[in-house]
Protein backbone atom coordinates (compact mmCIF):
# COMPACT_ATOMS: atom_id res chain seq x y z
CA MET A 1 0.00 0.00 0.00
CA LYS A 2 2.84 2.40 0.87
CA LEU A 3 4.60 1.64 -2.42
CA LEU A 4 1.36 2.20 -4.34
CA ARG A 5 0.90 5.60 -2.70
CA ILE A 6 4.43 6.58 -3.68
CA LEU A 7 3.76 5.52 -7.26
CA LEU A 8 0.62 7.69 -7.26
CA TYR A 9 2.62 10.81 -6.36
CA PRO A 10 2.20 12.43 -9.83
CA PHE A 11 -1.58 12.20 -9.41
CA ALA A 12 -1.26 13.82 -5.98
CA VAL A 13 0.62 16.74 -7.54
CA LEU A 14 -2.12 17.09 -10.17
CA TYR A 15 -4.82 16.92 -7.48
CA ASP A 16 -3.00 19.58 -5.50
CA ILE A 17 -2.91 21.87 -8.54
CA VAL A 18 -6.63 21.39 -9.21
CA THR A 19 -7.73 21.99 -5.60
CA SER A 20 -5.38 24.96 -5.23
CA ILE A 21 -6.80 26.60 -8.37
CA ARG A 22 -10.32 25.96 -7.09
CA ASN A 23 -9.52 27.57 -3.73
CA TYR A 24 -7.86 30.52 -5.48
CA PHE A 25 -10.94 31.10 -7.60
CA PHE A 26 -13.15 31.10 -4.51
CA ASP A 27 -10.73 33.37 -2.62
CA THR A 28 -10.66 35.90 -5.48
CA GLY A 29 -14.37 35.77 -6.29
CA VAL A 30 -14.06 34.08 -9.69
CA LEU A 31 -16.24 31.29 -8.31
CA LYS A 32 -19.34 32.38 -6.39
CA SER A 33 -19.54 31.83 -2.66
CA THR A 34 -22.68 32.83 -0.77
CA LYS A 35 -22.50 34.63 2.57
CA PHE A 36 -25.63 34.59 4.70
CA ASN A 37 -26.86 37.20 7.16
CA ILE A 38 -26.76 34.80 10.07
CA PRO A 39 -23.68 33.19 11.68
CA VAL A 40 -22.57 30.00 9.93
CA ILE A 41 -19.91 27.83 11.59
CA ALA A 42 -18.22 25.21 9.42
CA VAL A 43 -16.67 22.20 11.15
CA GLY A 44 -14.43 19.84 9.23
CA ASN A 45 -10.95 18.63 8.48
CA LEU A 46 -8.29 18.57 5.80
CA SER A 47 -8.00 14.79 5.76
CA VAL A 48 -10.31 11.89 5.06
CA GLY A 49 -11.22 9.61 7.94
CA GLY A 50 -12.57 10.06 11.43
CA THR A 51 -11.32 13.12 13.29
CA GLY A 52 -14.22 13.40 15.73
CA LYS A 53 -16.55 15.73 13.84
CA SER A 54 -19.76 14.33 15.37
CA PRO A 55 -18.78 14.82 19.03
CA GLN A 56 -17.48 18.31 18.14
CA ILE A 57 -20.81 19.21 16.52
CA GLU A 58 -22.66 17.89 19.57
CA TYR A 59 -20.39 19.95 21.83
CA LEU A 60 -21.30 23.09 19.85
CA ILE A 61 -25.01 22.23 20.00
CA ARG A 62 -24.86 21.95 23.79
CA LEU A 63 -22.88 25.19 23.99
CA LEU A 64 -25.22 27.26 21.81
CA LYS A 65 -28.74 25.80 21.91
CA GLY A 66 -29.78 27.70 25.01
CA THR A 67 -28.89 31.07 23.47
CA TYR A 68 -29.76 30.69 19.78
CA LYS A 69 -32.17 28.79 17.58
CA VAL A 70 -29.61 26.39 16.10
CA ALA A 71 -29.75 24.33 12.91
CA VAL A 72 -27.32 21.58 11.96
CA LEU A 73 -26.87 21.00 8.24
CA SER A 74 -25.12 17.88 6.93
CA ARG A 75 -24.86 16.41 3.46
CA GLY A 76 -26.31 13.08 4.68
CA TYR A 77 -23.55 10.80 3.46
CA LYS A 78 -24.78 7.57 1.81
CA ARG A 79 -28.44 8.47 2.25
CA LYS A 80 -30.98 7.19 -0.25
CA THR A 81 -32.90 10.46 -0.69
CA LYS A 82 -32.02 13.53 -2.74
CA GLY A 83 -32.14 17.26 -2.11
CA PHE A 84 -33.13 19.07 1.06
CA GLN A 85 -34.63 17.10 3.92
CA LEU A 86 -35.63 18.62 7.26
CA ILE A 87 -35.47 15.58 9.50
CA ASN A 88 -38.59 14.52 11.38
CA ASP A 89 -39.84 11.38 13.13
CA SER A 90 -40.90 9.78 9.84
CA HIS A 91 -37.35 9.69 8.48
CA THR A 92 -35.05 6.68 8.72
CA THR A 93 -31.29 6.44 8.76
CA GLU A 94 -31.44 5.32 5.13
CA ASP A 95 -33.32 8.53 4.30
CA VAL A 96 -30.94 11.02 5.88
CA GLY A 97 -27.72 9.28 6.98
CA ASP A 98 -26.51 7.98 10.31
CA GLU A 99 -24.84 11.05 11.84
CA PRO A 100 -27.72 13.48 11.08
CA MET A 101 -30.17 10.95 12.53
CA GLN A 102 -27.98 10.69 15.62
CA PHE A 103 -28.08 14.48 16.05
CA TYR A 104 -31.84 14.52 15.51
CA ARG A 105 -32.60 11.82 18.03
CA LYS A 106 -30.55 13.53 20.73
CA PHE A 107 -31.58 17.16 20.13
CA LYS A 108 -34.83 17.14 18.13
CA GLU A 109 -36.73 19.18 20.70
CA GLU A 110 -34.09 21.90 20.68
CA VAL A 111 -32.50 22.25 17.22
CA TYR A 112 -33.27 21.74 13.55
CA VAL A 113 -31.36 18.97 11.81
CA ALA A 114 -31.36 18.91 8.01
CA VAL A 115 -29.46 17.37 5.12
CA ASP A 116 -28.59 18.74 1.70
CA SER A 117 -25.49 18.12 -0.41
CA ASP A 118 -25.97 21.67 -1.73
CA ARG A 119 -25.25 23.59 1.47
CA THR A 120 -26.26 26.91 -0.08
CA ASN A 121 -29.71 25.57 -0.91
CA GLY A 122 -29.89 23.87 2.48
CA ILE A 123 -29.36 27.13 4.36
CA GLU A 124 -31.79 28.96 2.07
CA GLN A 125 -34.45 26.33 2.80
CA LEU A 126 -33.84 26.57 6.55
CA LEU A 127 -34.29 30.33 6.42
CA THR A 128 -37.75 29.91 4.87
CA LEU A 129 -39.05 28.06 7.94
CA GLU A 130 -41.73 29.74 10.02
CA ASN A 131 -39.30 29.98 12.94
CA PRO A 132 -35.96 30.13 11.09
CA PRO A 133 -32.63 29.36 12.75
CA GLU A 134 -30.44 32.15 14.07
CA LEU A 135 -27.27 30.14 13.57
CA VAL A 136 -26.23 27.21 11.35
CA LEU A 137 -23.61 24.55 12.09
CA LEU A 138 -22.25 23.03 8.89
CA ASP A 139 -21.13 19.46 9.49
CA ASP A 140 -18.10 18.24 7.49
CA ALA A 141 -18.04 21.36 5.31
CA TYR A 142 -14.48 22.65 5.46
CA GLN A 143 -14.06 22.16 1.69
CA HIS A 144 -17.57 23.34 0.79
CA ARG A 145 -16.49 26.72 -0.55
CA LYS A 146 -19.84 27.61 -2.14
CA VAL A 147 -20.85 28.89 1.30
CA THR A 148 -18.70 31.48 3.02
CA ALA A 149 -18.86 30.54 6.68
CA SER A 150 -18.56 33.13 9.44
CA SER A 151 -15.89 30.99 11.05
CA TYR A 152 -14.19 27.67 10.44
CA ILE A 153 -13.19 25.05 13.00
CA LEU A 154 -10.54 22.65 11.71
CA LEU A 155 -10.13 19.25 13.36
CA THR A 156 -6.94 17.20 13.13
CA LYS A 157 -6.35 13.89 14.92
CA PHE A 158 -3.53 13.69 17.47
CA ASP A 159 -1.93 10.58 15.94
CA ASP A 160 -2.55 11.68 12.34
CA LEU A 161 -1.86 15.41 12.20
CA PHE A 162 -2.38 17.23 8.92
CA ILE A 163 1.14 18.67 9.18
CA ASN A 164 2.52 15.12 8.78
CA ASP A 165 0.29 14.22 5.85
CA PHE A 166 0.25 14.70 2.09
CA ILE A 167 -2.48 15.28 -0.44
CA LEU A 168 -4.53 12.43 -1.97
CA PRO A 169 -3.87 9.83 -3.27
CA THR A 170 -0.30 9.71 -1.85
CA GLY A 171 -1.59 10.87 1.52
CA ASN A 172 -5.01 11.46 3.06
CA LEU A 173 -5.43 15.23 2.65
CA ARG A 174 -8.47 16.48 0.73
CA GLU A 175 -6.61 19.68 -0.05
CA SER A 176 -3.18 21.19 0.58
CA ARG A 177 -2.04 21.96 4.11
CA ARG A 178 -2.37 25.60 3.05
CA GLY A 179 -6.11 25.21 3.63
CA VAL A 180 -5.48 25.58 7.36
CA LYS A 181 -5.39 29.36 6.85
CA ARG A 182 -9.23 29.48 6.73
CA ALA A 183 -9.56 28.16 10.28
CA LYS A 184 -10.16 30.39 13.26
CA ALA A 185 -9.77 27.48 15.67
CA ILE A 186 -7.63 24.37 15.16
CA VAL A 187 -8.63 21.50 17.42
CA VAL A 188 -6.27 18.56 17.91
CA THR A 189 -8.71 15.73 18.64
CA LYS A 190 -8.52 12.30 20.26
CA CYS A 191 -5.58 13.31 22.44
CA PRO A 192 -4.29 11.20 25.33
CA GLU A 193 -5.90 12.19 28.61
CA LYS A 194 -2.59 13.17 30.18
CA LEU A 195 -1.08 15.19 27.36
CA SER A 196 1.29 17.56 29.18
CA ILE A 197 1.46 21.32 28.70
CA LEU A 198 5.00 20.90 27.32
CA GLU A 199 3.73 18.40 24.73
CA GLN A 200 0.87 20.71 23.83
CA ASP A 201 3.27 23.63 23.41
CA GLU A 202 5.47 21.55 21.12
CA LEU A 203 2.48 20.60 18.96
CA VAL A 204 1.44 24.25 18.73
CA ARG A 205 4.97 25.11 17.62
CA ARG A 206 4.83 22.45 14.90
CA ILE A 207 1.36 23.48 13.71
CA ASN A 208 2.61 27.07 13.62
CA PRO A 209 -0.75 28.87 13.70
CA SER A 210 -1.06 32.39 12.35
CA PRO A 211 -1.59 35.26 14.85
CA ASN A 212 -5.38 35.18 14.31
CA GLN A 213 -5.65 31.43 15.02
CA GLU A 214 -5.82 29.47 18.25
CA VAL A 215 -4.97 25.80 18.81
CA PHE A 216 -6.96 23.64 21.22
CA PHE A 217 -6.67 20.05 22.42
CA SER A 218 -9.52 17.65 23.09
CA ARG A 219 -10.09 14.02 23.91
CA ILE A 220 -12.89 11.51 23.55
CA VAL A 221 -14.69 10.55 26.75
CA TYR A 222 -16.72 7.33 26.75
CA ASN A 223 -19.99 7.30 28.67
CA GLU A 224 -20.16 4.90 31.60
CA ASP A 225 -23.91 4.37 31.08
CA LEU A 226 -24.62 2.26 28.01
CA GLY A 227 -27.45 3.18 25.66
CA GLY A 228 -30.11 0.77 24.44
CA ILE A 229 -30.76 -1.06 27.72
CA GLU A 230 -31.59 0.78 30.93
CA ASN A 231 -29.37 0.51 34.01
CA LEU A 232 -26.53 -1.16 32.14
CA GLN A 233 -23.04 0.25 32.60
CA LEU A 234 -19.75 -0.20 30.85
CA LYS A 235 -18.27 -1.97 33.89
CA ASP A 236 -20.96 -4.67 33.54
CA LEU A 237 -19.34 -5.77 30.29
CA THR A 238 -16.25 -7.01 32.16
CA ARG A 239 -18.42 -9.91 33.36
CA SER A 240 -20.06 -10.51 30.00
CA LYS A 241 -19.41 -12.02 26.59
CA VAL A 242 -19.35 -9.31 23.93
CA VAL A 243 -19.62 -9.04 20.16
CA LEU A 244 -18.37 -5.59 19.14
CA VAL A 245 -19.73 -4.22 15.85
CA THR A 246 -18.25 -1.10 14.27
CA GLY A 247 -18.96 0.72 11.02
CA ILE A 248 -16.80 3.79 11.63
CA ALA A 249 -13.72 5.15 9.88
CA ASN A 250 -11.21 4.27 12.59
CA PRO A 251 -12.27 2.14 15.58
CA SER A 252 -8.72 1.86 17.02
CA SER A 253 -9.40 4.29 19.90
CA LEU A 254 -12.49 2.31 20.94
CA LEU A 255 -10.64 -1.00 20.74
CA GLN A 256 -7.82 0.37 22.87
CA TYR A 257 -10.28 1.71 25.43
CA LEU A 258 -12.18 -1.58 25.74
CA ASN A 259 -8.90 -3.44 26.14
CA GLU A 260 -7.83 -1.03 28.88
CA ARG A 261 -11.14 -1.69 30.64
CA LYS A 262 -10.39 -5.43 30.39
CA ILE A 263 -13.49 -6.15 28.32
CA ASN A 264 -13.13 -9.26 26.17
CA PHE A 265 -14.83 -8.98 22.82
CA HIS A 266 -15.02 -10.41 19.34
CA HIS A 267 -14.80 -7.55 16.84
CA ILE A 268 -16.76 -7.49 13.58
CA LYS A 269 -15.60 -4.51 11.51
CA PHE A 270 -17.51 -2.88 8.66
CA PRO A 271 -16.65 0.17 6.51
CA ASP A 272 -17.58 3.68 7.62
CA HIS A 273 -21.30 4.57 7.20
CA HIS A 274 -22.04 0.96 6.24
CA HIS A 275 -25.64 0.08 5.40
CA PHE A 276 -26.16 -3.22 7.21
CA SER A 277 -27.76 -5.83 4.96
CA GLU A 278 -29.84 -8.78 6.13
CA ALA A 279 -26.77 -10.96 5.58
CA ASP A 280 -24.70 -8.65 7.80
CA VAL A 281 -27.32 -8.74 10.54
CA SER A 282 -27.51 -12.53 10.28
CA LYS A 283 -23.72 -12.80 10.57
CA ILE A 284 -23.69 -10.64 13.69
CA GLN A 285 -26.60 -12.52 15.25
CA GLN A 286 -24.93 -15.88 14.59
CA GLN A 287 -21.74 -14.68 16.26
CA TYR A 288 -23.79 -13.50 19.23
CA GLU A 289 -25.65 -16.81 19.56
CA ALA A 290 -22.36 -18.70 19.42
CA LEU A 291 -21.25 -17.04 22.66
CA GLU A 292 -21.64 -19.25 25.70
CA GLY A 293 -23.75 -18.29 28.69
CA LYS A 294 -26.68 -15.94 29.18
CA ASN A 295 -24.78 -12.78 30.10
CA LYS A 296 -23.86 -11.58 26.62
CA PHE A 297 -24.33 -8.44 24.53
CA ILE A 298 -23.84 -6.96 21.11
CA VAL A 299 -22.03 -3.66 21.59
CA THR A 300 -21.71 -0.93 18.98
CA THR A 301 -21.12 2.80 18.58
CA GLU A 302 -23.92 5.34 18.81
CA LYS A 303 -23.61 6.09 15.10
CA ASP A 304 -23.97 2.39 14.24
CA TYR A 305 -26.80 1.92 16.73
CA VAL A 306 -29.14 4.19 14.75
CA ARG A 307 -28.68 1.78 11.80
CA LEU A 308 -28.98 -1.45 13.81
CA GLU A 309 -31.65 -0.66 16.40
CA GLY A 310 -34.45 -3.24 16.44
CA LYS A 311 -32.54 -5.71 14.26
CA LEU A 312 -30.44 -7.53 16.89
CA ASN A 313 -30.84 -9.06 20.34
CA ASN A 314 -29.29 -7.38 23.40
CA LEU A 315 -27.90 -4.51 21.33
CA VAL A 316 -26.30 -1.64 23.30
CA TYR A 317 -24.10 1.28 22.36
CA ILE A 318 -21.26 3.22 23.93
CA GLY A 319 -21.85 6.95 23.73
CA ILE A 320 -19.02 9.47 23.53
CA LYS A 321 -18.52 13.17 24.06
CA ASN A 322 -15.84 15.72 23.33
CA GLU A 323 -13.86 17.15 26.27
CA PHE A 324 -11.24 19.88 26.01
CA LEU A 325 -7.96 19.59 27.85
CA GLY A 326 -7.93 22.56 30.20
CA ASP A 327 -9.00 25.33 27.80
CA GLU A 328 -12.73 24.72 27.38
CA ASN A 329 -13.69 28.24 28.49
CA THR A 330 -11.25 29.78 26.03
CA PHE A 331 -12.75 27.77 23.18
CA ASP A 332 -16.31 28.62 24.25
CA THR A 333 -15.47 32.32 24.44
CA LEU A 334 -13.82 32.29 21.01
CA VAL A 335 -16.89 30.68 19.41
CA LYS A 336 -19.31 33.09 21.10
CA ASN A 337 -17.16 36.11 20.24
CA GLU A 338 -17.10 35.07 16.57
CA ILE A 339 -20.90 34.75 16.60
CA ASN A 340 -21.37 38.13 18.30
CA LYS A 341 -18.96 39.75 15.85
CA GLU A 342 -21.00 38.41 12.95
CA LEU A 343 -24.28 39.57 14.51
CA CYS A 344 -22.86 43.07 15.05
CA ASN A 345 -21.85 43.25 11.39
CA GLU A 346 -25.36 42.51 10.11
């Protein structure tokens, strides 16, 4: 695989040229980018793969929903519908995608959740609602230049920093590292819990933010209470037989965590955003039934749970949340200041 990526280097150079020209055209106004009269915060990354966008979006929802009428707009990756969809109780995961459905189920009484691959149209449709949003969070939209966001939050994973990567297909970057300049906040995600101040300072030095940028560090925290079955906790799994099912980009952090908690499991891995077929469900159920004893569970992620709920016996999920390492208030203040600045400019 490494050799193949090296051989594909000429295509990476070509891809870099194409994406750089595209960004230049948007920066100079040759290509149209729409700016809306409400704050729009774009959350995303430079690389493909899981950098923790969903828990970051949920963090922002919790931070802002009490002050503003918030809408979350995603493209609805791998959904089977087209165009704009304002999610309601009649929608399924197949209709709108797993992550948007996850947001909806958790926050439907407090925020709008919608999907549209055309983010410009999506925001326009949201603004026609009887009680329109005052603020829009764009999920996975760092490269969606047809909308000019008020501010950009760039995520980069601790063990796969964009500064160490190269553009596709030789590396995993969707665009050149130069794209970092659009970000107001750079969040290093999935950090070790005990990342020292000295280590953080060294990473900031390597990232080399511009004077108008700030770098933050966050980690993933796993919920002790499991979802799907009441009064079941993560510690209960140490005395159980477990089939772990994942359909996420990179389950390595979860696997490491379960091993640290001394939970024995058989792992069945599927691709990211996988639509589980009847054959897949049958395979998982057979593995579950093959486990000895009565104290056994099928464990999955929250994102996978919304696609598997009701299809398997004793199915539970491990929820996660984003937690900043020591500078949460600074991040919160930055986000709110950017919103207030945009509102004052209207």
